[in-house]
Amino acid sequence: MNTRSLIAAATIAFTAAIAVPAAARTLPPPAPVPAPTDTPSPTQRICWVDTVTGSRIPTKECHTRAEWQKMGVDPLAKK
């Protein structure tokens, strides 16, 4: 019985010693998020990811907004 009490006391002391530094840590404040612009730049790179039926490998196509518009596609248009 004495051995059990000693093991229990050692376990509690060890757990308390580990838990105290974790509780004392503080997280830094989150970095401010820049506000999105309403009109994207024509040089902004926009990528589309498409999964082809029958394939497990998605294809990724990236162009600038101006290049997409030259191809007749507005990648930022709402559906």
C-alpha atoms as a PDB file:
ATOM      1  CA  MET A   1       0.000   0.000   0.000  1.00  0.00           C
ATOM      2  CA  ASN A   2       2.855   2.338   0.797  1.00  0.00           C
ATOM      3  CA  THR A   3       4.390   1.762  -2.658  1.00  0.00           C
ATOM      4  CA  ARG A   4       1.104   2.647  -4.364  1.00  0.00           C
ATOM      5  CA  SER A   5       0.873   5.905  -2.445  1.00  0.00           C
ATOM      6  CA  LEU A   6       4.442   6.772  -3.351  1.00  0.00           C
ATOM      7  CA  ILE A   7       3.836   6.036  -7.056  1.00  0.00           C
ATOM      8  CA  ALA A   8       0.603   8.047  -7.034  1.00  0.00           C
ATOM      9  CA  ALA A   9       2.294  11.017  -5.357  1.00  0.00           C
ATOM     10  CA  ALA A  10       5.206  10.895  -7.815  1.00  0.00           C
ATOM     11  CA  THR A  11       2.810  10.725 -10.773  1.00  0.00           C
ATOM     12  CA  ILE A  12       0.810  13.712  -9.535  1.00  0.00           C
ATOM     13  CA  ALA A  13       3.962  15.745  -8.891  1.00  0.00           C
ATOM     14  CA  PHE A  14       5.405  14.885 -12.302  1.00  0.00           C
ATOM     15  CA  THR A  15       2.131  15.720 -14.082  1.00  0.00           C
ATOM     16  CA  ALA A  16       1.853  19.034 -12.250  1.00  0.00           C
ATOM     17  CA  ALA A  17       5.445  19.928 -13.153  1.00  0.00           C
ATOM     18  CA  ILE A  18       4.732  19.336 -16.844  1.00  0.00           C
ATOM     19  CA  ALA A  19       1.351  21.105 -16.870  1.00  0.00           C
ATOM     20  CA  VAL A  20       2.521  24.366 -15.280  1.00  0.00           C
ATOM     21  CA  PRO A  21       4.814  25.521 -18.119  1.00  0.00           C
ATOM     22  CA  ALA A  22       2.145  24.685 -20.713  1.00  0.00           C
ATOM     23  CA  ALA A  23      -0.415  26.807 -18.878  1.00  0.00           C
ATOM     24  CA  ALA A  24       2.044  29.686 -18.538  1.00  0.00           C
ATOM     25  CA  ARG A  25       2.590  29.951 -22.310  1.00  0.00           C
ATOM     26  CA  THR A  26       0.729  32.663 -24.165  1.00  0.00           C
ATOM     27  CA  LEU A  27       0.055  32.825 -27.872  1.00  0.00           C
ATOM     28  CA  PRO A  28       1.114  35.881 -29.864  1.00  0.00           C
ATOM     29  CA  PRO A  29      -1.718  37.969 -31.311  1.00  0.00           C
ATOM     30  CA  PRO A  30      -2.753  36.973 -34.839  1.00  0.00           C
ATOM     31  CA  ALA A  31      -1.232  38.916 -37.708  1.00  0.00           C
ATOM     32  CA  PRO A  32      -3.568  41.412 -39.377  1.00  0.00           C
ATOM     33  CA  VAL A  33      -5.112  40.173 -42.607  1.00  0.00           C
ATOM     34  CA  PRO A  34      -4.854  42.609 -45.519  1.00  0.00           C
ATOM     35  CA  ALA A  35      -8.176  43.692 -46.958  1.00  0.00           C
ATOM     36  CA  PRO A  36      -8.901  42.229 -50.398  1.00  0.00           C
ATOM     37  CA  THR A  37      -9.083  44.681 -53.263  1.00  0.00           C
ATOM     38  CA  ASP A  38     -12.331  45.005 -55.180  1.00  0.00           C
ATOM     39  CA  THR A  39     -10.700  45.099 -58.611  1.00  0.00           C
ATOM     40  CA  PRO A  40      -8.023  42.474 -59.155  1.00  0.00           C
ATOM     41  CA  SER A  41      -4.911  43.370 -61.087  1.00  0.00           C
ATOM     42  CA  PRO A  42      -4.666  42.165 -64.708  1.00  0.00           C
ATOM     43  CA  THR A  43      -1.275  40.695 -63.815  1.00  0.00           C
ATOM     44  CA  GLN A  44      -2.732  38.653 -60.961  1.00  0.00           C
ATOM     45  CA  ARG A  45      -2.086  34.956 -61.505  1.00  0.00           C
ATOM     46  CA  ILE A  46      -5.233  32.836 -61.303  1.00  0.00           C
ATOM     47  CA  CYS A  47      -5.182  29.044 -61.325  1.00  0.00           C
ATOM     48  CA  TRP A  48      -7.975  26.583 -62.052  1.00  0.00           C
ATOM     49  CA  VAL A  49      -7.811  23.040 -60.767  1.00  0.00           C
ATOM     50  CA  ASP A  50      -9.916  20.564 -62.724  1.00  0.00           C
ATOM     51  CA  THR A  51     -10.462  16.884 -62.059  1.00  0.00           C
ATOM     52  CA  VAL A  52     -10.968  14.936 -65.260  1.00  0.00           C
ATOM     53  CA  THR A  53     -13.474  12.095 -65.113  1.00  0.00           C
ATOM     54  CA  GLY A  54     -11.655   8.768 -65.030  1.00  0.00           C
ATOM     55  CA  SER A  55      -8.412  10.237 -63.724  1.00  0.00           C
ATOM     56  CA  ARG A  56      -7.140  10.574 -60.194  1.00  0.00           C
ATOM     57  CA  ILE A  57      -4.708  13.309 -61.132  1.00  0.00           C
ATOM     58  CA  PRO A  58      -6.185  16.820 -61.182  1.00  0.00           C
ATOM     59  CA  THR A  59      -4.943  19.236 -63.829  1.00  0.00           C
ATOM     60  CA  LYS A  60      -3.905  22.758 -62.906  1.00  0.00           C
ATOM     61  CA  GLU A  61      -3.956  25.604 -65.417  1.00  0.00           C
ATOM     62  CA  CYS A  62      -2.541  28.985 -64.415  1.00  0.00           C
ATOM     63  CA  HIS A  63      -2.630  32.268 -66.356  1.00  0.00           C
ATOM     64  CA  THR A  64      -2.819  35.947 -65.547  1.00  0.00           C
ATOM     65  CA  ARG A  65      -6.245  37.540 -65.521  1.00  0.00           C
ATOM     66  CA  ALA A  66      -5.437  39.340 -68.782  1.00  0.00           C
ATOM     67  CA  GLU A  67      -4.492  36.032 -70.453  1.00  0.00           C
ATOM     68  CA  TRP A  68      -7.742  34.414 -69.279  1.00  0.00           C
ATOM     69  CA  GLN A  69      -9.708  37.339 -70.731  1.00  0.00           C
ATOM     70  CA  LYS A  70      -7.859  37.044 -74.072  1.00  0.00           C
ATOM     71  CA  MET A  71      -9.043  33.411 -74.181  1.00  0.00           C
ATOM     72  CA  GLY A  72     -12.609  34.628 -73.603  1.00  0.00           C
ATOM     73  CA  VAL A  73     -12.860  33.423 -70.007  1.00  0.00           C
ATOM     74  CA  ASP A  74     -13.494  35.543 -66.927  1.00  0.00           C
ATOM     75  CA  PRO A  75     -12.099  33.404 -64.101  1.00  0.00           C
ATOM     76  CA  LEU A  76     -13.560  35.628 -61.400  1.00  0.00           C
ATOM     77  CA  ALA A  77     -17.114  35.731 -62.764  1.00  0.00           C
ATOM     78  CA  LYS A  78     -19.737  34.509 -60.320  1.00  0.00           C
ATOM     79  CA  LYS A  79     -21.678  31.505 -61.558  1.00  0.00           C
END
